[in-house]
Amino acid sequence: MGCIMNKDIEKILFSSEEISVAVKCLGEKLTRDYMEKTPVFICILKGATVFFSDLVRAVSLPAQIDFLRARSYGMSHKSSGVVEIVKDIETDIEGKDIILVEDIIDSGETLSCLGKVLRERKPNSLKIVTLVDKKIKRECAVAPDYKCFDVEDEFIVGYGLDYAENYRTLPYIGVLKRALYS
């Protein structure tokens, strides 16, 4: 743990080992649930990239992947409330089984907006997968269909989760010291 960023972490919530086990278990569940299908996994950039990469490799199915980038935080620790699609998917999803992969659900605004946009494209199904579900911050009626972890109302970073584009490369998920973002 010689990483210079470790000094900014108040406590580790989920170790790299705990994350690995949770992602593997989720991959096995998705494999069972989509056994007779060829799902399209859509990664919400940038935060979900680390989780997404590990998850799709834990799924033993033929599948397609695509990427979508939405922005609602900017350089803040709070959502602006405005969701902007910065990079859209390239795949025609009509009639396909979509698995939308997110890093964290807190207010639910981003996924509510993206879900609406994607449903208008007439997929066969649309399921939401998240690494972390922060229910206490929910403002929209969005619930993940699959998740790895629940967290309290703490500002977390690591394993793709960031603050102002930093801390994504930490191999664990930890609570960022409040003095760094308040």
Protein backbone atom coordinates (compact mmCIF):
# COMPACT_ATOMS: atom_id res chain seq x y z
CA MET A 1 0.00 0.00 0.00
CA GLY A 2 2.70 2.43 -1.01
CA CYS A 3 0.35 4.42 -3.24
CA ILE A 4 0.57 8.17 -2.65
CA MET A 5 -3.25 8.43 -2.85
CA ASN A 6 -3.73 6.15 0.16
CA LYS A 7 -3.12 9.12 2.48
CA ASP A 8 -6.35 10.68 1.18
CA ILE A 9 -8.47 7.68 2.18
CA GLU A 10 -10.25 7.70 5.53
CA LYS A 11 -11.02 3.97 5.44
CA ILE A 12 -11.22 1.08 3.00
CA LEU A 13 -14.78 -0.20 2.52
CA PHE A 14 -14.13 -3.02 0.05
CA SER A 15 -10.72 -4.57 -0.58
CA SER A 16 -9.59 -5.65 -4.03
CA GLU A 17 -10.16 -9.25 -2.94
CA GLU A 18 -13.75 -8.55 -1.82
CA ILE A 19 -14.44 -6.75 -5.09
CA SER A 20 -13.01 -9.63 -7.12
CA VAL A 21 -15.23 -12.17 -5.37
CA ALA A 22 -18.36 -10.00 -5.75
CA VAL A 23 -17.72 -9.38 -9.46
CA LYS A 24 -17.09 -13.08 -10.10
CA CYS A 25 -20.35 -14.02 -8.35
CA LEU A 26 -22.26 -11.39 -10.32
CA GLY A 27 -20.73 -12.65 -13.58
CA GLU A 28 -21.89 -16.17 -12.75
CA LYS A 29 -25.41 -14.93 -12.00
CA LEU A 30 -25.58 -13.00 -15.28
CA THR A 31 -24.33 -16.09 -17.12
CA ARG A 32 -27.19 -18.14 -15.64
CA ASP A 33 -29.81 -15.45 -16.24
CA TYR A 34 -28.80 -14.82 -19.87
CA MET A 35 -27.89 -18.41 -20.80
CA GLU A 36 -29.95 -18.54 -24.00
CA LYS A 37 -29.29 -14.93 -25.02
CA THR A 38 -26.55 -12.75 -26.48
CA PRO A 39 -26.71 -9.60 -24.35
CA VAL A 40 -25.24 -6.23 -25.19
CA PHE A 41 -23.26 -4.86 -22.26
CA ILE A 42 -23.16 -1.07 -22.26
CA CYS A 43 -20.53 0.58 -20.07
CA ILE A 44 -21.23 4.04 -18.72
CA LEU A 45 -17.91 5.84 -19.03
CA LYS A 46 -15.68 6.72 -17.31
CA GLY A 47 -16.37 5.43 -13.83
CA ALA A 48 -17.63 1.97 -14.73
CA THR A 49 -14.69 1.00 -16.95
CA VAL A 50 -12.72 -0.95 -14.34
CA PHE A 51 -15.83 -2.78 -13.07
CA PHE A 52 -17.10 -3.33 -16.64
CA SER A 53 -13.82 -4.89 -17.80
CA ASP A 54 -13.75 -7.33 -14.91
CA LEU A 55 -17.48 -8.09 -15.16
CA VAL A 56 -17.63 -8.94 -18.88
CA ARG A 57 -14.67 -11.29 -18.43
CA ALA A 58 -16.56 -13.00 -15.58
CA VAL A 59 -19.53 -13.71 -17.85
CA SER A 60 -19.33 -16.96 -19.84
CA LEU A 61 -21.59 -16.00 -22.73
CA PRO A 62 -21.33 -14.65 -26.22
CA ALA A 63 -21.96 -10.94 -25.79
CA GLN A 64 -21.46 -7.58 -27.41
CA ILE A 65 -20.09 -4.48 -25.72
CA ASP A 66 -20.57 -0.77 -26.29
CA PHE A 67 -19.86 2.46 -24.46
CA LEU A 68 -21.89 5.47 -23.39
CA ARG A 69 -20.60 8.56 -21.65
CA ALA A 70 -22.88 10.76 -19.60
CA ARG A 71 -21.94 13.63 -17.37
CA SER A 72 -23.74 15.12 -14.39
CA TYR A 73 -20.98 15.78 -11.84
CA GLY A 74 -18.27 17.72 -13.64
CA MET A 75 -15.55 18.50 -11.11
CA SER A 76 -17.89 18.54 -8.11
CA HIS A 77 -18.80 15.89 -5.55
CA LYS A 78 -22.52 16.57 -6.10
CA SER A 79 -24.59 15.97 -9.21
CA SER A 80 -25.53 19.07 -11.16
CA GLY A 81 -28.97 17.57 -11.84
CA VAL A 82 -28.43 17.94 -15.59
CA VAL A 83 -27.46 14.80 -17.49
CA GLU A 84 -25.59 15.28 -20.74
CA ILE A 85 -24.81 12.42 -23.14
CA VAL A 86 -21.25 13.09 -24.24
CA LYS A 87 -20.69 9.84 -26.20
CA ASP A 88 -23.58 7.73 -27.47
CA ILE A 89 -23.56 4.00 -28.22
CA GLU A 90 -22.87 2.80 -31.75
CA THR A 91 -24.93 -0.41 -31.54
CA ASP A 92 -28.50 -0.67 -32.81
CA ILE A 93 -30.18 -2.10 -29.70
CA GLU A 94 -33.69 -2.64 -31.06
CA GLY A 95 -34.88 -6.12 -30.04
CA LYS A 96 -31.71 -6.86 -28.04
CA ASP A 97 -31.18 -7.65 -24.36
CA ILE A 98 -29.30 -4.73 -22.83
CA ILE A 99 -27.25 -4.80 -19.65
CA LEU A 100 -26.39 -1.23 -18.65
CA VAL A 101 -23.32 -1.20 -16.39
CA GLU A 102 -22.80 1.70 -13.96
CA ASP A 103 -20.23 2.29 -11.23
CA ILE A 104 -22.52 3.82 -8.61
CA ILE A 105 -26.16 4.75 -8.28
CA ASP A 106 -26.80 7.57 -5.87
CA SER A 107 -29.39 10.18 -6.89
CA GLY A 108 -30.52 7.99 -9.79
CA GLU A 109 -30.77 10.98 -12.14
CA THR A 110 -28.20 9.74 -14.65
CA LEU A 111 -29.69 6.26 -14.93
CA SER A 112 -33.23 7.58 -15.06
CA CYS A 113 -32.30 9.75 -18.04
CA LEU A 114 -30.23 7.08 -19.79
CA GLY A 115 -32.88 4.42 -19.19
CA LYS A 116 -35.48 6.61 -20.86
CA VAL A 117 -33.23 7.29 -23.85
CA LEU A 118 -32.35 3.62 -24.29
CA ARG A 119 -35.94 2.37 -23.86
CA GLU A 120 -37.01 4.69 -26.71
CA ARG A 121 -34.71 2.59 -28.94
CA LYS A 122 -36.93 -0.48 -28.30
CA PRO A 123 -34.62 -3.07 -26.78
CA ASN A 124 -36.10 -6.46 -25.89
CA SER A 125 -35.03 -5.89 -22.29
CA LEU A 126 -32.98 -3.40 -20.29
CA LYS A 127 -31.39 -4.33 -16.97
CA ILE A 128 -29.21 -2.15 -14.76
CA VAL A 129 -26.07 -3.48 -13.13
CA THR A 130 -24.13 -1.40 -10.62
CA LEU A 131 -21.02 -1.92 -8.60
CA VAL A 132 -22.31 0.21 -5.72
CA ASP A 133 -25.85 1.15 -4.71
CA LYS A 134 -26.05 4.22 -2.48
CA LYS A 135 -29.75 4.12 -1.67
CA ILE A 136 -29.74 6.95 0.83
CA LYS A 137 -29.17 9.53 -1.94
CA ARG A 138 -31.93 8.28 -4.28
CA GLU A 139 -33.99 11.07 -5.83
CA CYS A 140 -35.38 9.15 -8.81
CA ALA A 141 -37.24 5.85 -8.83
CA VAL A 142 -34.29 3.84 -10.17
CA ALA A 143 -33.23 0.51 -8.73
CA PRO A 144 -30.51 -1.79 -9.99
CA ASP A 145 -31.47 -5.24 -11.19
CA TYR A 146 -28.03 -6.49 -10.12
CA LYS A 147 -25.45 -5.02 -7.74
CA CYS A 148 -22.30 -5.91 -5.88
CA PHE A 149 -22.41 -3.63 -2.83
CA ASP A 150 -24.63 -1.31 -0.80
CA VAL A 151 -23.07 1.74 0.85
CA GLU A 152 -24.13 4.42 3.27
CA ASP A 153 -24.00 8.10 2.42
CA GLU A 154 -20.22 8.38 2.18
CA PHE A 155 -18.10 9.82 -0.60
CA ILE A 156 -16.26 6.84 -2.06
CA VAL A 157 -13.46 6.51 -4.59
CA GLY A 158 -11.34 3.80 -6.15
CA TYR A 159 -11.86 0.91 -8.57
CA GLY A 160 -13.05 3.39 -11.21
CA LEU A 161 -14.90 5.75 -8.85
CA ASP A 162 -13.40 9.22 -8.83
CA TYR A 163 -13.36 12.66 -7.34
CA ALA A 164 -12.43 15.33 -9.92
CA GLU A 165 -10.99 12.59 -12.17
CA ASN A 166 -8.62 11.31 -9.47
CA TYR A 167 -8.49 8.07 -7.43
CA ARG A 168 -9.93 5.82 -10.20
CA THR A 169 -6.80 3.66 -10.18
CA LEU A 170 -7.00 2.60 -6.54
CA PRO A 171 -7.48 -1.20 -6.42
CA TYR A 172 -10.04 -0.94 -3.60
CA ILE A 173 -13.05 1.22 -2.74
CA GLY A 174 -12.48 3.66 0.08
CA VAL A 175 -14.01 6.67 1.75
CA LEU A 176 -12.36 9.92 0.74
CA LYS A 177 -11.38 12.25 3.59
CA ARG A 178 -14.02 14.97 3.85
CA ALA A 179 -11.44 17.79 4.02
CA LEU A 180 -10.48 17.02 0.41
CA TYR A 181 -13.89 17.78 -1.09
CA SER A 182 -15.77 20.09 1.32
